Amino acid sequence: MKTQDDLIKWANEQREEALRQVDLFSNGGVKAQLVMPDGNTEDITAGVLSHQRANVEAFTDLVSALEK
C-alpha cells in the first residue's frame, strides 16, 4: 500500500520529468514528429510542449494538495 509520502514523492518525480521535457522542447533543440504509416510526418512539438506544461501544473497542484 502506498503512503501519502510515496504519492508525494511520485508526483514530484513526475513533475521533474515534465520540467525536463519542457526544457528540452522549449529551446528548439528537440523536435517531436509523428510519422504516419504512409511516411508523412507532422511536427507535434507544440502539442508535446503544451501537454508537458499542463503536467507541470497538475503535479504541482497535486503535491500542494497532498501536503496539506
C-alpha atoms as a PDB file:
ATOM      1  CA  MET A   1       0.000   0.000   0.000  1.00  0.00           C
ATOM      2  CA  LYS A   2       1.291   3.419  -0.931  1.00  0.00           C
ATOM      3  CA  THR A   3       1.604   6.068   1.727  1.00  0.00           C
ATOM      4  CA  GLN A   4       0.928   9.756   1.269  1.00  0.00           C
ATOM      5  CA  ASP A   5       4.689  10.359   1.297  1.00  0.00           C
ATOM      6  CA  ASP A   6       5.075   7.796  -1.506  1.00  0.00           C
ATOM      7  CA  LEU A   7       2.463   9.643  -3.564  1.00  0.00           C
ATOM      8  CA  ILE A   8       4.148  12.990  -2.931  1.00  0.00           C
ATOM      9  CA  LYS A   9       7.489  11.537  -3.998  1.00  0.00           C
ATOM     10  CA  TRP A  10       5.953  10.045  -7.152  1.00  0.00           C
ATOM     11  CA  ALA A  11       4.176  13.307  -8.063  1.00  0.00           C
ATOM     12  CA  ASN A  12       7.392  15.270  -7.561  1.00  0.00           C
ATOM     13  CA  GLU A  13       9.263  12.825  -9.813  1.00  0.00           C
ATOM     14  CA  GLN A  14       6.586  13.205 -12.493  1.00  0.00           C
ATOM     15  CA  ARG A  15       6.774  16.993 -12.179  1.00  0.00           C
ATOM     16  CA  GLU A  16      10.570  16.923 -12.555  1.00  0.00           C
ATOM     17  CA  GLU A  17      10.300  14.767 -15.681  1.00  0.00           C
ATOM     18  CA  ALA A  18       7.720  17.135 -17.170  1.00  0.00           C
ATOM     19  CA  LEU A  19      10.009  20.095 -16.395  1.00  0.00           C
ATOM     20  CA  ARG A  20      12.899  18.280 -18.091  1.00  0.00           C
ATOM     21  CA  GLN A  21      10.812  17.765 -21.207  1.00  0.00           C
ATOM     22  CA  VAL A  22       9.622  21.380 -21.213  1.00  0.00           C
ATOM     23  CA  ASP A  23      13.274  22.425 -21.121  1.00  0.00           C
ATOM     24  CA  LEU A  24      14.175  20.055 -23.975  1.00  0.00           C
ATOM     25  CA  PHE A  25      11.338  21.058 -26.268  1.00  0.00           C
ATOM     26  CA  SER A  26      11.146  24.782 -25.498  1.00  0.00           C
ATOM     27  CA  ASN A  27      14.681  25.728 -26.500  1.00  0.00           C
ATOM     28  CA  GLY A  28      14.226  24.463 -30.067  1.00  0.00           C
ATOM     29  CA  GLY A  29      16.886  21.785 -29.796  1.00  0.00           C
ATOM     30  CA  VAL A  30      14.480  18.844 -29.699  1.00  0.00           C
ATOM     31  CA  LYS A  31      11.526  18.369 -32.032  1.00  0.00           C
ATOM     32  CA  ALA A  32       8.702  15.842 -31.803  1.00  0.00           C
ATOM     33  CA  GLN A  33       7.452  14.295 -35.016  1.00  0.00           C
ATOM     34  CA  LEU A  34       4.569  11.981 -35.681  1.00  0.00           C
ATOM     35  CA  VAL A  35       5.302   9.563 -38.510  1.00  0.00           C
ATOM     36  CA  MET A  36       2.213   8.284 -40.262  1.00  0.00           C
ATOM     37  CA  PRO A  37       2.001   4.796 -41.815  1.00  0.00           C
ATOM     38  CA  ASP A  38       2.229   6.345 -45.297  1.00  0.00           C
ATOM     39  CA  GLY A  39       5.528   8.022 -44.385  1.00  0.00           C
ATOM     40  CA  ASN A  40       4.175  11.550 -43.980  1.00  0.00           C
ATOM     41  CA  THR A  41       5.391  13.388 -40.910  1.00  0.00           C
ATOM     42  CA  GLU A  42       3.818  16.037 -38.748  1.00  0.00           C
ATOM     43  CA  ASP A  43       5.624  18.273 -36.267  1.00  0.00           C
ATOM     44  CA  ILE A  44       3.864  17.864 -32.913  1.00  0.00           C
ATOM     45  CA  THR A  45       6.409  19.747 -30.811  1.00  0.00           C
ATOM     46  CA  ALA A  46       3.953  22.488 -29.796  1.00  0.00           C
ATOM     47  CA  GLY A  47       1.421  19.908 -28.626  1.00  0.00           C
ATOM     48  CA  VAL A  48       4.003  17.973 -26.620  1.00  0.00           C
ATOM     49  CA  LEU A  49       5.240  21.181 -25.024  1.00  0.00           C
ATOM     50  CA  SER A  50       1.714  22.262 -24.127  1.00  0.00           C
ATOM     51  CA  HIS A  51       0.954  18.841 -22.642  1.00  0.00           C
ATOM     52  CA  GLN A  52       4.126  18.839 -20.527  1.00  0.00           C
ATOM     53  CA  ARG A  53       3.439  22.355 -19.251  1.00  0.00           C
ATOM     54  CA  ALA A  54      -0.017  21.184 -18.198  1.00  0.00           C
ATOM     55  CA  ASN A  55       1.602  18.198 -16.451  1.00  0.00           C
ATOM     56  CA  VAL A  56       3.922  20.500 -14.509  1.00  0.00           C
ATOM     57  CA  GLU A  57       0.933  22.481 -13.279  1.00  0.00           C
ATOM     58  CA  ALA A  58      -1.126  19.389 -12.453  1.00  0.00           C
ATOM     59  CA  PHE A  59       1.632  17.654 -10.492  1.00  0.00           C
ATOM     60  CA  THR A  60       2.491  20.891  -8.672  1.00  0.00           C
ATOM     61  CA  ASP A  61      -1.164  21.212  -7.636  1.00  0.00           C
ATOM     62  CA  LEU A  62      -1.301  17.545  -6.614  1.00  0.00           C
ATOM     63  CA  VAL A  63       1.753  17.844  -4.361  1.00  0.00           C
ATOM     64  CA  SER A  64       0.345  21.002  -2.835  1.00  0.00           C
ATOM     65  CA  ALA A  65      -2.949  19.275  -2.060  1.00  0.00           C
ATOM     66  CA  LEU A  66      -1.253  16.173  -0.643  1.00  0.00           C
ATOM     67  CA  GLU A  67       0.992  18.244   1.623  1.00  0.00           C
ATOM     68  CA  LYS A  68      -1.956  19.986   3.317  1.00  0.00           C
END
